[in-house]
Amino acid sequence: MMNKIFYLAVNRNRIKSVDLGLVDPKHAGIGRGGNYYRYNGSLTTPACDEGVLWTVMQD
């Protein structure tokens, strides 16, 4: 589960944070016929820790 997603905002070159609350992957369509990609990687922000399993939904 994730608590927050960080993204770069084009507007005024600020970094913003959006609080999503709790996101349960079971409700994202994984395992219910939805198309998705998975790969091992790392965090995108410093300290860039490894050991992250990224899941990207097609839609």
PDB file of N, CA and C in Angstrom:
ATOM      1  N   MET A   1       0.829  -1.186   0.000  1.00  0.00           N
ATOM      2  CA  MET A   1       0.000   0.000   0.000  1.00  0.00           C
ATOM      3  C   MET A   1       0.873   1.249   0.000  1.00  0.00           C
ATOM      4  N   MET A   2       0.337   2.312  -0.552  1.00  0.00           N
ATOM      5  CA  MET A   2       1.079   3.565  -0.608  1.00  0.00           C
ATOM      6  C   MET A   2       0.306   4.628   0.153  1.00  0.00           C
ATOM      7  N   ASN A   3       0.996   5.530   0.786  1.00  0.00           N
ATOM      8  CA  ASN A   3       0.336   6.643   1.449  1.00  0.00           C
ATOM      9  C   ASN A   3       0.371   7.898   0.602  1.00  0.00           C
ATOM     10  N   LYS A   4       1.425   8.097  -0.168  1.00  0.00           N
ATOM     11  CA  LYS A   4       1.533   9.319  -0.959  1.00  0.00           C
ATOM     12  C   LYS A   4       2.208   9.037  -2.291  1.00  0.00           C
ATOM     13  N   ILE A   5       1.894   9.865  -3.257  1.00  0.00           N
ATOM     14  CA  ILE A   5       2.596   9.853  -4.532  1.00  0.00           C
ATOM     15  C   ILE A   5       3.171  11.242  -4.720  1.00  0.00           C
ATOM     16  N   PHE A   6       4.434  11.300  -5.107  1.00  0.00           N
ATOM     17  CA  PHE A   6       5.074  12.585  -5.351  1.00  0.00           C
ATOM     18  C   PHE A   6       5.197  12.783  -6.856  1.00  0.00           C
ATOM     19  N   TYR A   7       5.023  13.998  -7.292  1.00  0.00           N
ATOM     20  CA  TYR A   7       5.173  14.280  -8.708  1.00  0.00           C
ATOM     21  C   TYR A   7       5.721  15.679  -8.900  1.00  0.00           C
ATOM     22  N   LEU A   8       6.364  15.906 -10.021  1.00  0.00           N
ATOM     23  CA  LEU A   8       6.878  17.224 -10.357  1.00  0.00           C
ATOM     24  C   LEU A   8       5.789  17.998 -11.068  1.00  0.00           C
ATOM     25  N   ALA A   9       5.521  19.183 -10.581  1.00  0.00           N
ATOM     26  CA  ALA A   9       4.508  20.026 -11.204  1.00  0.00           C
ATOM     27  C   ALA A   9       5.192  20.977 -12.180  1.00  0.00           C
ATOM     28  N   VAL A  10       4.686  21.044 -13.378  1.00  0.00           N
ATOM     29  CA  VAL A  10       5.242  21.952 -14.371  1.00  0.00           C
ATOM     30  C   VAL A  10       5.002  23.393 -13.942  1.00  0.00           C
ATOM     31  N   ASN A  11       3.884  23.641 -13.296  1.00  0.00           N
ATOM     32  CA  ASN A  11       3.512  24.981 -12.862  1.00  0.00           C
ATOM     33  C   ASN A  11       4.475  25.487 -11.793  1.00  0.00           C
ATOM     34  N   ARG A  12       5.266  26.494 -12.129  1.00  0.00           N
ATOM     35  CA  ARG A  12       6.178  27.168 -11.190  1.00  0.00           C
ATOM     36  C   ARG A  12       7.305  26.277 -10.676  1.00  0.00           C
ATOM     37  N   ASN A  13       7.562  25.175 -11.346  1.00  0.00           N
ATOM     38  CA  ASN A  13       8.666  24.286 -10.979  1.00  0.00           C
ATOM     39  C   ASN A  13       8.657  23.880  -9.512  1.00  0.00           C
ATOM     40  N   ARG A  14       7.520  23.622  -8.970  1.00  0.00           N
ATOM     41  CA  ARG A  14       7.402  23.198  -7.576  1.00  0.00           C
ATOM     42  C   ARG A  14       7.180  21.694  -7.516  1.00  0.00           C
ATOM     43  N   ILE A  15       7.628  21.104  -6.438  1.00  0.00           N
ATOM     44  CA  ILE A  15       7.334  19.701  -6.188  1.00  0.00           C
ATOM     45  C   ILE A  15       6.128  19.658  -5.274  1.00  0.00           C
ATOM     46  N   LYS A  16       5.120  18.900  -5.674  1.00  0.00           N
ATOM     47  CA  LYS A  16       3.892  18.811  -4.892  1.00  0.00           C
ATOM     48  C   LYS A  16       3.689  17.383  -4.410  1.00  0.00           C
ATOM     49  N   SER A  17       2.932  17.254  -3.372  1.00  0.00           N
ATOM     50  CA  SER A  17       2.600  15.958  -2.805  1.00  0.00           C
ATOM     51  C   SER A  17       1.085  15.827  -2.797  1.00  0.00           C
ATOM     52  N   VAL A  18       0.609  14.674  -3.224  1.00  0.00           N
ATOM     53  CA  VAL A  18      -0.823  14.417  -3.220  1.00  0.00           C
ATOM     54  C   VAL A  18      -1.085  13.261  -2.268  1.00  0.00           C
ATOM     55  N   ASP A  19      -1.913  13.488  -1.266  1.00  0.00           N
ATOM     56  CA  ASP A  19      -2.238  12.448  -0.300  1.00  0.00           C
ATOM     57  C   ASP A  19      -3.386  11.612  -0.849  1.00  0.00           C
ATOM     58  N   LEU A  20      -3.121  10.337  -1.098  1.00  0.00           N
ATOM     59  CA  LEU A  20      -4.135   9.435  -1.637  1.00  0.00           C
ATOM     60  C   LEU A  20      -4.821   8.622  -0.555  1.00  0.00           C
ATOM     61  N   GLY A  21      -4.401   8.794   0.676  1.00  0.00           N
ATOM     62  CA  GLY A  21      -4.901   7.912   1.712  1.00  0.00           C
ATOM     63  C   GLY A  21      -4.258   6.554   1.503  1.00  0.00           C
ATOM     64  N   LEU A  22      -4.953   5.500   1.803  1.00  0.00           N
ATOM     65  CA  LEU A  22      -4.421   4.157   1.587  1.00  0.00           C
ATOM     66  C   LEU A  22      -4.926   3.613   0.264  1.00  0.00           C
ATOM     67  N   VAL A  23      -4.031   3.054  -0.522  1.00  0.00           N
ATOM     68  CA  VAL A  23      -4.384   2.447  -1.801  1.00  0.00           C
ATOM     69  C   VAL A  23      -4.123   0.953  -1.683  1.00  0.00           C
ATOM     70  N   ASP A  24      -5.152   0.167  -1.876  1.00  0.00           N
ATOM     71  CA  ASP A  24      -5.035  -1.286  -1.788  1.00  0.00           C
ATOM     72  C   ASP A  24      -4.908  -1.853  -3.201  1.00  0.00           C
ATOM     73  N   PRO A  25      -3.786  -2.506  -3.538  1.00  0.00           N
ATOM     74  CA  PRO A  25      -3.602  -3.040  -4.891  1.00  0.00           C
ATOM     75  C   PRO A  25      -4.706  -3.990  -5.330  1.00  0.00           C
ATOM     76  N   LYS A  26      -5.387  -4.645  -4.389  1.00  0.00           N
ATOM     77  CA  LYS A  26      -6.474  -5.560  -4.758  1.00  0.00           C
ATOM     78  C   LYS A  26      -7.601  -4.823  -5.472  1.00  0.00           C
ATOM     79  N   HIS A  27      -7.744  -3.525  -5.204  1.00  0.00           N
ATOM     80  CA  HIS A  27      -8.820  -2.752  -5.813  1.00  0.00           C
ATOM     81  C   HIS A  27      -8.379  -2.063  -7.100  1.00  0.00           C
ATOM     82  N   ALA A  28      -7.148  -2.302  -7.542  1.00  0.00           N
ATOM     83  CA  ALA A  28      -6.635  -1.673  -8.755  1.00  0.00           C
ATOM     84  C   ALA A  28      -6.838  -2.546  -9.990  1.00  0.00           C
ATOM     85  N   GLY A  29      -7.469  -3.696  -9.842  1.00  0.00           N
ATOM     86  CA  GLY A  29      -7.728  -4.566 -10.976  1.00  0.00           C
ATOM     87  C   GLY A  29      -6.672  -5.628 -11.198  1.00  0.00           C
ATOM     88  N   ILE A  30      -5.647  -5.658 -10.372  1.00  0.00           N
ATOM     89  CA  ILE A  30      -4.599  -6.661 -10.525  1.00  0.00           C
ATOM     90  C   ILE A  30      -5.173  -8.028 -10.174  1.00  0.00           C
ATOM     91  N   GLY A  31      -4.997  -8.979 -11.071  1.00  0.00           N
ATOM     92  CA  GLY A  31      -5.497 -10.324 -10.837  1.00  0.00           C
ATOM     93  C   GLY A  31      -6.951 -10.510 -11.234  1.00  0.00           C
ATOM     94  N   ARG A  32      -7.580  -9.460 -11.771  1.00  0.00           N
ATOM     95  CA  ARG A  32      -8.979  -9.572 -12.206  1.00  0.00           C
ATOM     96  C   ARG A  32      -9.099  -9.313 -13.702  1.00  0.00           C
ATOM     97  N   GLY A  33      -8.082  -9.674 -14.454  1.00  0.00           N
ATOM     98  CA  GLY A  33      -8.144  -9.521 -15.901  1.00  0.00           C
ATOM     99  C   GLY A  33      -7.609  -8.206 -16.418  1.00  0.00           C
ATOM    100  N   GLY A  34      -7.214  -7.294 -15.541  1.00  0.00           N
ATOM    101  CA  GLY A  34      -6.640  -6.034 -15.997  1.00  0.00           C
ATOM    102  C   GLY A  34      -5.214  -6.240 -16.477  1.00  0.00           C
ATOM    103  N   ASN A  35      -4.819  -5.507 -17.497  1.00  0.00           N
ATOM    104  CA  ASN A  35      -3.457  -5.615 -18.008  1.00  0.00           C
ATOM    105  C   ASN A  35      -2.537  -4.706 -17.214  1.00  0.00           C
ATOM    106  N   TYR A  36      -1.386  -5.256 -16.828  1.00  0.00           N
ATOM    107  CA  TYR A  36      -0.423  -4.471 -16.067  1.00  0.00           C
ATOM    108  C   TYR A  36       0.983  -5.005 -16.310  1.00  0.00           C
ATOM    109  N   TYR A  37       1.955  -4.185 -15.991  1.00  0.00           N
ATOM    110  CA  TYR A  37       3.363  -4.540 -16.114  1.00  0.00           C
ATOM    111  C   TYR A  37       3.981  -4.466 -14.728  1.00  0.00           C
ATOM    112  N   ARG A  38       4.913  -5.373 -14.441  1.00  0.00           N
ATOM    113  CA  ARG A  38       5.611  -5.366 -13.160  1.00  0.00           C
ATOM    114  C   ARG A  38       7.102  -5.473 -13.408  1.00  0.00           C
ATOM    115  N   TYR A  39       7.858  -4.727 -12.637  1.00  0.00           N
ATOM    116  CA  TYR A  39       9.310  -4.852 -12.707  1.00  0.00           C
ATOM    117  C   TYR A  39       9.936  -4.438 -11.391  1.00  0.00           C
ATOM    118  N   ASN A  40      11.108  -4.993 -11.118  1.00  0.00           N
ATOM    119  CA  ASN A  40      11.860  -4.637  -9.926  1.00  0.00           C
ATOM    120  C   ASN A  40      12.630  -3.358 -10.199  1.00  0.00           C
ATOM    121  N   GLY A  41      12.680  -2.489  -9.205  1.00  0.00           N
ATOM    122  CA  GLY A  41      13.387  -1.234  -9.386  1.00  0.00           C
ATOM    123  C   GLY A  41      13.757  -0.615  -8.058  1.00  0.00           C
ATOM    124  N   SER A  42      13.778   0.708  -8.051  1.00  0.00           N
ATOM    125  CA  SER A  42      14.148   1.446  -6.851  1.00  0.00           C
ATOM    126  C   SER A  42      13.239   2.657  -6.719  1.00  0.00           C
ATOM    127  N   LEU A  43      13.315   3.309  -5.567  1.00  0.00           N
ATOM    128  CA  LEU A  43      12.560   4.540  -5.372  1.00  0.00           C
ATOM    129  C   LEU A  43      13.096   5.607  -6.315  1.00  0.00           C
ATOM    130  N   THR A  44      12.255   6.566  -6.670  1.00  0.00           N
ATOM    131  CA  THR A  44      12.666   7.607  -7.611  1.00  0.00           C
ATOM    132  C   THR A  44      13.164   8.858  -6.916  1.00  0.00           C
ATOM    133  N   THR A  45      13.156   8.854  -5.602  1.00  0.00           N
ATOM    134  CA  THR A  45      13.642  10.005  -4.843  1.00  0.00           C
ATOM    135  C   THR A  45      14.786   9.553  -3.940  1.00  0.00           C
ATOM    136  N   PRO A  46      15.726  10.441  -3.634  1.00  0.00           N
ATOM    137  CA  PRO A  46      16.845  10.059  -2.768  1.00  0.00           C
ATOM    138  C   PRO A  46      16.336   9.468  -1.471  1.00  0.00           C
ATOM    139  N   ALA A  47      16.842   8.475  -1.038  1.00  0.00           N
ATOM    140  CA  ALA A  47      18.086   7.756  -1.218  1.00  0.00           C
ATOM    141  C   ALA A  47      17.997   6.700  -2.311  1.00  0.00           C
ATOM    142  N   CYS A  48      16.959   6.669  -3.106  1.00  0.00           N
ATOM    143  CA  CYS A  48      16.805   5.751  -4.243  1.00  0.00           C
ATOM    144  C   CYS A  48      16.979   4.288  -3.836  1.00  0.00           C
ATOM    145  N   ASP A  49      16.412   3.934  -2.700  1.00  0.00           N
ATOM    146  CA  ASP A  49      16.527   2.569  -2.183  1.00  0.00           C
ATOM    147  C   ASP A  49      15.984   1.561  -3.187  1.00  0.00           C
ATOM    148  N   GLU A  50      16.679   0.421  -3.290  1.00  0.00           N
ATOM    149  CA  GLU A  50      16.245  -0.655  -4.172  1.00  0.00           C
ATOM    150  C   GLU A  50      15.266  -1.559  -3.439  1.00  0.00           C
ATOM    151  N   GLY A  51      14.728  -2.522  -4.160  1.00  0.00           N
ATOM    152  CA  GLY A  51      13.807  -3.472  -3.548  1.00  0.00           C
ATOM    153  C   GLY A  51      12.351  -3.081  -3.703  1.00  0.00           C
ATOM    154  N   VAL A  52      12.048  -2.235  -4.688  1.00  0.00           N
ATOM    155  CA  VAL A  52      10.672  -1.797  -4.942  1.00  0.00           C
ATOM    156  C   VAL A  52      10.109  -2.620  -6.091  1.00  0.00           C
ATOM    157  N   LEU A  53       8.915  -3.136  -5.931  1.00  0.00           N
ATOM    158  CA  LEU A  53       8.223  -3.830  -7.013  1.00  0.00           C
ATOM    159  C   LEU A  53       7.227  -2.843  -7.615  1.00  0.00           C
ATOM    160  N   TRP A  54       7.539  -2.347  -8.814  1.00  0.00           N
ATOM    161  CA  TRP A  54       6.675  -1.383  -9.485  1.00  0.00           C
ATOM    162  C   TRP A  54       5.577  -2.126 -10.235  1.00  0.00           C
ATOM    163  N   THR A  55       4.361  -1.620 -10.151  1.00  0.00           N
ATOM    164  CA  THR A  55       3.227  -2.152 -10.892  1.00  0.00           C
ATOM    165  C   THR A  55       2.607  -0.995 -11.658  1.00  0.00           C
ATOM    166  N   VAL A  56       2.563  -1.116 -12.988  1.00  0.00           N
ATOM    167  CA  VAL A  56       2.032  -0.057 -13.845  1.00  0.00           C
ATOM    168  C   VAL A  56       0.821  -0.611 -14.576  1.00  0.00           C
ATOM    169  N   MET A  57      -0.334   0.001 -14.352  1.00  0.00           N
ATOM    170  CA  MET A  57      -1.568  -0.424 -15.004  1.00  0.00           C
ATOM    171  C   MET A  57      -1.592   0.098 -16.438  1.00  0.00           C
ATOM    172  N   GLN A  58      -2.116  -0.700 -17.359  1.00  0.00           N
ATOM    173  CA  GLN A  58      -2.177  -0.294 -18.759  1.00  0.00           C
ATOM    174  C   GLN A  58      -3.141   0.873 -18.946  1.00  0.00           C
ATOM    175  N   ASP A  59      -4.272   0.834 -18.297  1.00  0.00           N
ATOM    176  CA  ASP A  59      -5.268   1.902 -18.467  1.00  0.00           C
ATOM    177  C   ASP A  59      -5.177   2.907 -17.360  1.00  0.00           C
TER     178      ASP A  59
END
